[in-house]
Amino acid sequence: MTNPAEELLDVVDEHDRVIGTAPRGEVYQRGLTHRCVFVLVSDRAGRIFTHRRTDTKLFAPGFHDMFVGGVVGAGETYASAAVREAEEELGVSGIEPRPLLKFLFREEGLSWWCDVYEARWDGPVEPQESEVAWHAWLTPEELDARLARDAFVPDGLEAYRRYRELRAA
């Protein structure tokens, strides 16, 4: 599909039950609740793949993110979307995301279910140019420094906060 705004998404309720479908552009414009996946990718050394989103993204263009991921297509499972999105954005194949947590994100009239995964990847990456403007493998300390100075996507920040709480428990 050439136009992301035309991608068909499941519209869900506050309990994550499908109540209909709509094109992504309409979902965003009307603030309909939908589904997204987030994959935190780290390497053997514990560095986290971090990137800046391209300026052409429909949501949070130009913002930084410590997750790869995106919307779950209509009829797609969270698990298959996690693999698809991670492989597309990183330019790899064979990644195996592991589920961690799920929450409903709400902000300024927008809402979506966030299914959060983690994966390890030690090979080379070739990030998708239409999605990723800049990338680096950052240590947790380097990521903390970027969090203090760069604009990060709000849903990713919330997912990372929850991820860190889960890992600290």
N, C-alpha and C. Protein backbone atom coordinates (compact mmCIF):
# COMPACT_ATOMS: atom_id res chain seq x y z
N MET A 1 0.85 -1.17 0.00
CA MET A 1 0.00 0.00 0.00
C MET A 1 0.90 1.24 0.00
N THR A 2 0.60 2.18 -0.88
CA THR A 2 1.45 3.35 -0.99
C THR A 2 1.06 4.47 -0.04
N ASN A 3 -0.22 4.58 0.31
CA ASN A 3 -0.67 5.65 1.19
C ASN A 3 -1.04 5.07 2.57
N PRO A 4 -0.22 5.34 3.60
CA PRO A 4 -0.52 4.79 4.93
C PRO A 4 -1.89 5.19 5.45
N ALA A 5 -2.40 6.36 5.06
CA ALA A 5 -3.70 6.82 5.55
C ALA A 5 -4.84 5.92 5.07
N GLU A 6 -4.59 5.13 4.02
CA GLU A 6 -5.62 4.24 3.49
C GLU A 6 -5.59 2.84 4.11
N GLU A 7 -4.57 2.53 4.90
CA GLU A 7 -4.45 1.22 5.52
C GLU A 7 -5.66 0.96 6.42
N LEU A 8 -6.27 -0.19 6.28
CA LEU A 8 -7.47 -0.53 7.04
C LEU A 8 -7.08 -1.06 8.41
N LEU A 9 -7.68 -0.48 9.47
CA LEU A 9 -7.40 -0.87 10.85
C LEU A 9 -8.67 -1.34 11.53
N ASP A 10 -8.50 -2.22 12.52
CA ASP A 10 -9.62 -2.59 13.38
C ASP A 10 -9.85 -1.44 14.36
N VAL A 11 -11.09 -1.07 14.55
CA VAL A 11 -11.48 -0.11 15.59
C VAL A 11 -11.96 -0.95 16.76
N VAL A 12 -11.46 -0.62 17.96
CA VAL A 12 -11.77 -1.44 19.14
C VAL A 12 -12.36 -0.58 20.25
N ASP A 13 -12.97 -1.24 21.23
CA ASP A 13 -13.54 -0.53 22.37
C ASP A 13 -12.55 -0.48 23.53
N GLU A 14 -13.00 0.00 24.68
CA GLU A 14 -12.12 0.15 25.84
C GLU A 14 -11.67 -1.19 26.43
N HIS A 15 -12.25 -2.29 25.92
CA HIS A 15 -11.86 -3.63 26.37
C HIS A 15 -11.08 -4.37 25.27
N ASP A 16 -10.70 -3.64 24.22
CA ASP A 16 -9.93 -4.18 23.09
C ASP A 16 -10.72 -5.19 22.27
N ARG A 17 -12.04 -5.00 22.21
CA ARG A 17 -12.88 -5.84 21.36
C ARG A 17 -13.14 -5.09 20.06
N VAL A 18 -13.02 -5.79 18.93
CA VAL A 18 -13.23 -5.18 17.62
C VAL A 18 -14.70 -4.78 17.48
N ILE A 19 -14.91 -3.51 17.10
CA ILE A 19 -16.27 -3.01 16.89
C ILE A 19 -16.48 -2.49 15.47
N GLY A 20 -15.43 -2.56 14.65
CA GLY A 20 -15.53 -2.11 13.27
C GLY A 20 -14.15 -1.97 12.64
N THR A 21 -14.13 -1.44 11.42
CA THR A 21 -12.87 -1.16 10.73
C THR A 21 -12.99 0.21 10.08
N ALA A 22 -11.83 0.83 9.84
CA ALA A 22 -11.79 2.13 9.18
C ALA A 22 -10.37 2.37 8.65
N PRO A 23 -10.23 3.21 7.62
CA PRO A 23 -8.90 3.57 7.15
C PRO A 23 -8.13 4.34 8.22
N ARG A 24 -6.82 4.16 8.26
CA ARG A 24 -5.98 4.80 9.28
C ARG A 24 -6.20 6.31 9.36
N GLY A 25 -6.28 6.97 8.23
CA GLY A 25 -6.50 8.42 8.23
C GLY A 25 -7.77 8.81 8.96
N GLU A 26 -8.84 8.05 8.74
CA GLU A 26 -10.11 8.31 9.43
C GLU A 26 -9.99 7.99 10.92
N VAL A 27 -9.32 6.89 11.24
CA VAL A 27 -9.11 6.51 12.64
C VAL A 27 -8.42 7.64 13.40
N TYR A 28 -7.35 8.20 12.81
CA TYR A 28 -6.62 9.29 13.44
C TYR A 28 -7.48 10.56 13.52
N GLN A 29 -8.15 10.90 12.42
CA GLN A 29 -8.96 12.12 12.37
C GLN A 29 -10.10 12.10 13.37
N ARG A 30 -10.75 10.95 13.53
CA ARG A 30 -11.90 10.84 14.42
C ARG A 30 -11.53 10.41 15.83
N GLY A 31 -10.24 10.11 16.06
CA GLY A 31 -9.80 9.68 17.39
C GLY A 31 -10.34 8.34 17.81
N LEU A 32 -10.46 7.41 16.85
CA LEU A 32 -11.00 6.08 17.15
C LEU A 32 -9.92 5.21 17.80
N THR A 33 -10.32 4.40 18.75
CA THR A 33 -9.39 3.52 19.43
C THR A 33 -9.02 2.37 18.50
N HIS A 34 -7.72 2.11 18.41
CA HIS A 34 -7.21 1.06 17.54
C HIS A 34 -6.08 0.32 18.25
N ARG A 35 -5.30 -0.47 17.52
CA ARG A 35 -4.27 -1.31 18.12
C ARG A 35 -2.89 -0.98 17.55
N CYS A 36 -1.88 -1.01 18.42
CA CYS A 36 -0.49 -0.79 18.01
C CYS A 36 0.42 -1.80 18.72
N VAL A 37 1.59 -2.02 18.13
CA VAL A 37 2.61 -2.86 18.76
C VAL A 37 3.89 -2.04 18.93
N PHE A 38 4.63 -2.36 19.99
CA PHE A 38 5.91 -1.73 20.29
C PHE A 38 6.91 -2.84 20.56
N VAL A 39 8.08 -2.78 19.92
CA VAL A 39 9.11 -3.79 20.14
C VAL A 39 10.39 -3.08 20.55
N LEU A 40 10.84 -3.36 21.77
CA LEU A 40 12.11 -2.83 22.26
C LEU A 40 13.19 -3.83 21.83
N VAL A 41 14.08 -3.39 20.96
CA VAL A 41 15.11 -4.27 20.41
C VAL A 41 16.45 -3.92 21.03
N SER A 42 17.08 -4.92 21.62
CA SER A 42 18.41 -4.70 22.20
C SER A 42 19.38 -5.74 21.64
N ASP A 43 20.66 -5.43 21.74
CA ASP A 43 21.68 -6.36 21.28
C ASP A 43 22.30 -7.09 22.47
N ARG A 44 23.24 -7.95 22.20
CA ARG A 44 23.89 -8.76 23.23
C ARG A 44 24.51 -7.90 24.33
N ALA A 45 24.99 -6.71 23.96
CA ALA A 45 25.63 -5.81 24.94
C ALA A 45 24.62 -5.01 25.75
N GLY A 46 23.32 -5.19 25.47
CA GLY A 46 22.29 -4.47 26.21
C GLY A 46 21.98 -3.10 25.64
N ARG A 47 22.55 -2.78 24.47
CA ARG A 47 22.25 -1.49 23.83
C ARG A 47 20.87 -1.57 23.16
N ILE A 48 20.16 -0.47 23.18
CA ILE A 48 18.79 -0.41 22.68
C ILE A 48 18.76 0.32 21.35
N PHE A 49 18.09 -0.28 20.37
CA PHE A 49 17.93 0.38 19.07
C PHE A 49 17.03 1.59 19.27
N THR A 50 17.56 2.75 18.96
CA THR A 50 16.83 4.02 19.13
C THR A 50 16.87 4.74 17.79
N HIS A 51 15.80 5.42 17.47
CA HIS A 51 15.75 6.10 16.17
C HIS A 51 14.92 7.38 16.22
N ARG A 52 15.09 8.18 15.17
CA ARG A 52 14.23 9.34 14.95
C ARG A 52 13.32 9.01 13.79
N ARG A 53 12.04 9.24 13.99
CA ARG A 53 11.04 8.98 12.97
C ARG A 53 11.18 9.99 11.83
N THR A 54 10.83 9.58 10.64
CA THR A 54 10.88 10.51 9.51
C THR A 54 9.86 11.62 9.69
N ASP A 55 10.07 12.70 9.00
CA ASP A 55 9.16 13.85 9.08
C ASP A 55 7.85 13.62 8.33
N THR A 56 7.72 12.50 7.64
CA THR A 56 6.51 12.20 6.87
C THR A 56 5.54 11.28 7.62
N LYS A 57 5.88 10.88 8.85
CA LYS A 57 5.00 10.00 9.62
C LYS A 57 3.69 10.72 9.95
N LEU A 58 2.58 9.97 9.98
CA LEU A 58 1.28 10.56 10.31
C LEU A 58 1.20 10.96 11.78
N PHE A 59 1.83 10.19 12.65
CA PHE A 59 1.82 10.48 14.08
C PHE A 59 3.24 10.78 14.54
N ALA A 60 3.42 11.87 15.26
CA ALA A 60 4.70 12.27 15.85
C ALA A 60 5.85 12.30 14.85
N PRO A 61 5.68 13.00 13.73
CA PRO A 61 6.78 13.08 12.77
C PRO A 61 8.01 13.75 13.39
N GLY A 62 9.19 13.18 13.09
CA GLY A 62 10.44 13.74 13.56
C GLY A 62 10.78 13.45 15.01
N PHE A 63 9.91 12.79 15.73
CA PHE A 63 10.18 12.46 17.13
C PHE A 63 11.07 11.23 17.23
N HIS A 64 11.75 11.10 18.35
CA HIS A 64 12.58 9.94 18.62
C HIS A 64 11.74 8.83 19.25
N ASP A 65 12.26 7.60 19.17
CA ASP A 65 11.56 6.45 19.74
C ASP A 65 12.58 5.37 20.08
N MET A 66 12.33 4.67 21.17
CA MET A 66 13.18 3.54 21.55
C MET A 66 12.51 2.21 21.20
N PHE A 67 11.36 2.29 20.53
CA PHE A 67 10.65 1.10 20.07
C PHE A 67 10.52 1.16 18.56
N VAL A 68 10.52 0.00 17.93
CA VAL A 68 10.05 -0.11 16.55
C VAL A 68 8.65 -0.68 16.65
N GLY A 69 7.85 -0.43 15.67
CA GLY A 69 6.49 -0.94 15.73
C GLY A 69 5.55 -0.08 14.91
N GLY A 70 4.27 -0.24 15.20
CA GLY A 70 3.28 0.52 14.46
C GLY A 70 1.89 -0.04 14.67
N VAL A 71 1.00 0.33 13.77
CA VAL A 71 -0.39 -0.08 13.90
C VAL A 71 -0.57 -1.54 13.51
N VAL A 72 -1.58 -2.14 14.10
CA VAL A 72 -1.97 -3.51 13.78
C VAL A 72 -3.05 -3.41 12.71
N GLY A 73 -2.83 -4.08 11.60
CA GLY A 73 -3.79 -4.03 10.50
C GLY A 73 -5.09 -4.76 10.83
N ALA A 74 -6.13 -4.45 10.09
CA ALA A 74 -7.42 -5.10 10.29
C ALA A 74 -7.26 -6.61 10.15
N GLY A 75 -7.75 -7.36 11.15
CA GLY A 75 -7.69 -8.81 11.13
C GLY A 75 -6.34 -9.40 11.50
N GLU A 76 -5.34 -8.57 11.75
CA GLU A 76 -4.00 -9.03 12.09
C GLU A 76 -3.89 -9.23 13.60
N THR A 77 -3.10 -10.19 14.03
CA THR A 77 -2.86 -10.37 15.47
C THR A 77 -1.76 -9.43 15.93
N TYR A 78 -1.74 -9.16 17.23
CA TYR A 78 -0.65 -8.36 17.78
C TYR A 78 0.70 -9.02 17.49
N ALA A 79 0.79 -10.33 17.72
CA ALA A 79 2.06 -11.04 17.56
C ALA A 79 2.59 -10.96 16.13
N SER A 80 1.72 -11.17 15.15
CA SER A 80 2.19 -11.10 13.76
C SER A 80 2.55 -9.67 13.39
N ALA A 81 1.82 -8.68 13.91
CA ALA A 81 2.16 -7.28 13.65
C ALA A 81 3.51 -6.92 14.26
N ALA A 82 3.81 -7.47 15.44
CA ALA A 82 5.10 -7.18 16.09
C ALA A 82 6.25 -7.68 15.22
N VAL A 83 6.14 -8.88 14.69
CA VAL A 83 7.18 -9.42 13.81
C VAL A 83 7.26 -8.58 12.53
N ARG A 84 6.13 -8.34 11.89
CA ARG A 84 6.10 -7.59 10.63
C ARG A 84 6.72 -6.21 10.80
N GLU A 85 6.27 -5.48 11.81
CA GLU A 85 6.75 -4.11 12.01
C GLU A 85 8.25 -4.08 12.34
N ALA A 86 8.69 -4.98 13.22
CA ALA A 86 10.11 -5.00 13.60
C ALA A 86 10.97 -5.33 12.38
N GLU A 87 10.57 -6.33 11.62
CA GLU A 87 11.36 -6.71 10.45
C GLU A 87 11.37 -5.61 9.40
N GLU A 88 10.22 -4.97 9.17
CA GLU A 88 10.16 -3.88 8.19
C GLU A 88 11.05 -2.71 8.60
N GLU A 89 10.89 -2.25 9.83
CA GLU A 89 11.62 -1.05 10.26
C GLU A 89 13.12 -1.29 10.40
N LEU A 90 13.51 -2.49 10.82
CA LEU A 90 14.94 -2.79 10.97
C LEU A 90 15.58 -3.31 9.69
N GLY A 91 14.75 -3.75 8.74
CA GLY A 91 15.28 -4.32 7.50
C GLY A 91 15.94 -5.67 7.73
N VAL A 92 15.31 -6.50 8.56
CA VAL A 92 15.86 -7.81 8.91
C VAL A 92 14.78 -8.87 8.72
N SER A 93 15.16 -10.13 8.86
CA SER A 93 14.16 -11.21 8.91
C SER A 93 14.59 -12.21 9.98
N GLY A 94 13.62 -12.83 10.61
CA GLY A 94 13.88 -13.83 11.62
C GLY A 94 13.85 -13.31 13.05
N ILE A 95 13.36 -12.09 13.26
CA ILE A 95 13.29 -11.56 14.63
C ILE A 95 12.15 -12.25 15.38
N GLU A 96 12.33 -12.45 16.67
CA GLU A 96 11.34 -13.17 17.48
C GLU A 96 10.95 -12.36 18.72
N PRO A 97 10.03 -11.43 18.57
CA PRO A 97 9.60 -10.62 19.72
C PRO A 97 8.88 -11.46 20.78
N ARG A 98 9.14 -11.12 22.05
CA ARG A 98 8.48 -11.78 23.18
C ARG A 98 7.53 -10.78 23.86
N PRO A 99 6.27 -11.18 24.09
CA PRO A 99 5.31 -10.24 24.70
C PRO A 99 5.66 -9.94 26.15
N LEU A 100 5.40 -8.68 26.54
CA LEU A 100 5.70 -8.23 27.90
C LEU A 100 4.50 -7.68 28.63
N LEU A 101 3.81 -6.71 28.02
CA LEU A 101 2.71 -6.03 28.70
C LEU A 101 1.81 -5.36 27.68
N LYS A 102 0.64 -4.98 28.16
CA LYS A 102 -0.35 -4.34 27.29
C LYS A 102 -1.07 -3.27 28.09
N PHE A 103 -1.34 -2.12 27.46
CA PHE A 103 -2.06 -1.05 28.13
C PHE A 103 -2.79 -0.18 27.12
N LEU A 104 -3.78 0.55 27.61
CA LEU A 104 -4.52 1.50 26.78
C LEU A 104 -3.89 2.87 26.95
N PHE A 105 -3.41 3.44 25.85
CA PHE A 105 -2.80 4.77 25.87
C PHE A 105 -3.85 5.78 25.43
N ARG A 106 -3.95 6.88 26.18
CA ARG A 106 -4.88 7.97 25.83
C ARG A 106 -4.14 9.29 25.92
N GLU A 107 -4.37 10.15 24.90
CA GLU A 107 -3.78 11.49 24.92
C GLU A 107 -4.53 12.39 23.97
N GLU A 108 -5.00 13.51 24.46
CA GLU A 108 -5.60 14.56 23.64
C GLU A 108 -6.60 14.03 22.60
N GLY A 109 -7.57 13.27 23.06
CA GLY A 109 -8.61 12.77 22.16
C GLY A 109 -8.21 11.57 21.33
N LEU A 110 -7.02 11.05 21.54
CA LEU A 110 -6.56 9.87 20.81
C LEU A 110 -6.40 8.71 21.79
N SER A 111 -6.60 7.49 21.31
CA SER A 111 -6.37 6.32 22.17
C SER A 111 -6.07 5.10 21.33
N TRP A 112 -5.20 4.24 21.86
CA TRP A 112 -4.90 2.98 21.22
C TRP A 112 -4.35 1.99 22.24
N TRP A 113 -4.64 0.73 21.96
CA TRP A 113 -4.08 -0.35 22.77
C TRP A 113 -2.65 -0.57 22.34
N CYS A 114 -1.75 -0.66 23.32
CA CYS A 114 -0.32 -0.84 23.09
C CYS A 114 0.10 -2.21 23.60
N ASP A 115 0.51 -3.08 22.70
CA ASP A 115 1.02 -4.39 23.08
C ASP A 115 2.54 -4.31 22.95
N VAL A 116 3.24 -4.44 24.08
CA VAL A 116 4.67 -4.19 24.15
C VAL A 116 5.45 -5.50 24.17
N TYR A 117 6.48 -5.56 23.35
CA TYR A 117 7.34 -6.74 23.20
C TYR A 117 8.79 -6.33 23.40
N GLU A 118 9.64 -7.34 23.56
CA GLU A 118 11.08 -7.11 23.50
C GLU A 118 11.68 -8.18 22.60
N ALA A 119 12.82 -7.85 22.00
CA ALA A 119 13.50 -8.79 21.12
C ALA A 119 14.99 -8.50 21.17
N ARG A 120 15.76 -9.51 20.89
CA ARG A 120 17.20 -9.34 20.81
C ARG A 120 17.61 -9.50 19.36
N TRP A 121 18.51 -8.62 18.91
CA TRP A 121 19.01 -8.70 17.56
C TRP A 121 20.49 -8.33 17.57
N ASP A 122 21.32 -9.25 17.11
CA ASP A 122 22.76 -9.02 17.11
C ASP A 122 23.35 -8.85 15.71
N GLY A 123 22.53 -8.96 14.71
CA GLY A 123 23.03 -8.82 13.35
C GLY A 123 22.94 -7.39 12.85
N PRO A 124 23.35 -7.18 11.62
CA PRO A 124 23.25 -5.84 11.04
C PRO A 124 21.79 -5.45 10.81
N VAL A 125 21.54 -4.16 10.75
CA VAL A 125 20.21 -3.65 10.44
C VAL A 125 20.31 -2.70 9.24
N GLU A 126 19.24 -2.64 8.48
CA GLU A 126 19.11 -1.70 7.38
C GLU A 126 17.75 -1.03 7.52
N PRO A 127 17.65 -0.04 8.42
CA PRO A 127 16.34 0.56 8.71
C PRO A 127 15.64 1.10 7.47
N GLN A 128 14.34 0.97 7.48
CA GLN A 128 13.49 1.40 6.39
C GLN A 128 13.54 2.93 6.28
N GLU A 129 14.01 3.44 5.16
CA GLU A 129 14.21 4.88 4.99
C GLU A 129 12.92 5.69 5.12
N SER A 130 11.78 5.09 4.78
CA SER A 130 10.51 5.83 4.88
C SER A 130 10.03 5.94 6.32
N GLU A 131 10.63 5.16 7.24
CA GLU A 131 10.22 5.15 8.63
C GLU A 131 11.26 5.75 9.57
N VAL A 132 12.55 5.54 9.26
CA VAL A 132 13.65 5.87 10.17
C VAL A 132 14.60 6.88 9.54
N ALA A 133 14.70 8.07 10.16
CA ALA A 133 15.58 9.13 9.64
C ALA A 133 16.99 9.03 10.21
N TRP A 134 17.13 8.52 11.41
CA TRP A 134 18.42 8.37 12.11
C TRP A 134 18.26 7.21 13.06
N HIS A 135 19.37 6.49 13.32
CA HIS A 135 19.32 5.41 14.30
C HIS A 135 20.68 5.18 14.93
N ALA A 136 20.66 4.59 16.11
CA ALA A 136 21.88 4.20 16.82
C ALA A 136 21.51 3.15 17.86
N TRP A 137 22.51 2.38 18.27
CA TRP A 137 22.37 1.44 19.38
C TRP A 137 22.89 2.16 20.60
N LEU A 138 22.01 2.45 21.57
CA LEU A 138 22.38 3.23 22.74
C LEU A 138 22.36 2.39 24.01
N THR A 139 23.33 2.64 24.89
CA THR A 139 23.29 2.02 26.21
C THR A 139 22.10 2.65 26.95
N PRO A 140 21.61 2.00 28.01
CA PRO A 140 20.53 2.62 28.78
C PRO A 140 20.90 4.02 29.28
N GLU A 141 22.16 4.24 29.63
CA GLU A 141 22.59 5.56 30.10
C GLU A 141 22.57 6.58 28.96
N GLU A 142 22.99 6.17 27.78
CA GLU A 142 22.94 7.08 26.62
C GLU A 142 21.49 7.39 26.25
N LEU A 143 20.62 6.40 26.36
CA LEU A 143 19.20 6.63 26.09
C LEU A 143 18.62 7.60 27.11
N ASP A 144 18.96 7.44 28.39
CA ASP A 144 18.50 8.37 29.42
C ASP A 144 18.92 9.80 29.09
N ALA A 145 20.15 9.99 28.61
CA ALA A 145 20.62 11.33 28.24
C ALA A 145 19.80 11.89 27.09
N ARG A 146 19.47 11.07 26.10
CA ARG A 146 18.64 11.53 24.98
C ARG A 146 17.21 11.84 25.43
N LEU A 147 16.70 11.04 26.36
CA LEU A 147 15.35 11.28 26.88
C LEU A 147 15.26 12.66 27.54
N ALA A 148 16.36 13.11 28.13
CA ALA A 148 16.38 14.40 28.81
C ALA A 148 16.48 15.57 27.84
N ARG A 149 16.91 15.34 26.61
CA ARG A 149 17.11 16.47 25.70
C ARG A 149 16.34 16.42 24.38
N ASP A 150 15.90 15.24 23.96
CA ASP A 150 15.21 15.11 22.67
C ASP A 150 13.73 14.84 22.87
N ALA A 151 12.94 15.17 21.86
CA ALA A 151 11.50 14.89 21.89
C ALA A 151 11.26 13.43 21.50
N PHE A 152 10.61 12.68 22.38
CA PHE A 152 10.27 11.28 22.12
C PHE A 152 8.76 11.14 21.99
N VAL A 153 8.32 10.14 21.24
CA VAL A 153 6.89 9.91 21.06
C VAL A 153 6.26 9.64 22.42
N PRO A 154 5.10 10.23 22.70
CA PRO A 154 4.50 10.09 24.03
C PRO A 154 4.09 8.66 24.38
N ASP A 155 3.59 7.90 23.41
CA ASP A 155 3.20 6.53 23.72
C ASP A 155 4.43 5.67 23.99
N GLY A 156 5.52 5.93 23.29
CA GLY A 156 6.76 5.21 23.54
C GLY A 156 7.33 5.52 24.92
N LEU A 157 7.21 6.78 25.33
CA LEU A 157 7.68 7.15 26.67
C LEU A 157 6.89 6.39 27.74
N GLU A 158 5.58 6.32 27.56
CA GLU A 158 4.76 5.58 28.54
C GLU A 158 5.08 4.09 28.51
N ALA A 159 5.26 3.53 27.33
CA ALA A 159 5.61 2.11 27.23
C ALA A 159 6.98 1.85 27.87
N TYR A 160 7.93 2.74 27.67
CA TYR A 160 9.26 2.56 28.25
C TYR A 160 9.22 2.69 29.78
N ARG A 161 8.41 3.62 30.28
CA ARG A 161 8.24 3.75 31.73
C ARG A 161 7.70 2.44 32.31
N ARG A 162 6.69 1.89 31.68
CA ARG A 162 6.10 0.62 32.15
C ARG A 162 7.09 -0.53 32.01
N TYR A 163 7.85 -0.54 30.92
CA TYR A 163 8.87 -1.57 30.70
C TYR A 163 9.89 -1.54 31.83
N ARG A 164 10.37 -0.34 32.17
CA ARG A 164 11.37 -0.21 33.23
C ARG A 164 10.81 -0.64 34.59
N GLU A 165 9.55 -0.31 34.86
CA GLU A 165 8.91 -0.77 36.10
C GLU A 165 8.83 -2.29 36.15
N LEU A 166 8.48 -2.89 35.02
CA LEU A 166 8.38 -4.34 34.95
C LEU A 166 9.75 -4.99 35.19
N ARG A 167 10.79 -4.44 34.61
CA ARG A 167 12.14 -4.99 34.76
C ARG A 167 12.69 -4.76 36.16
N ALA A 168 12.24 -3.71 36.84
CA ALA A 168 12.72 -3.41 38.19
C ALA A 168 12.04 -4.28 39.25
N ALA A 169 10.86 -4.82 38.90
CA ALA A 169 10.09 -5.62 39.87
C ALA A 169 10.70 -6.98 40.12
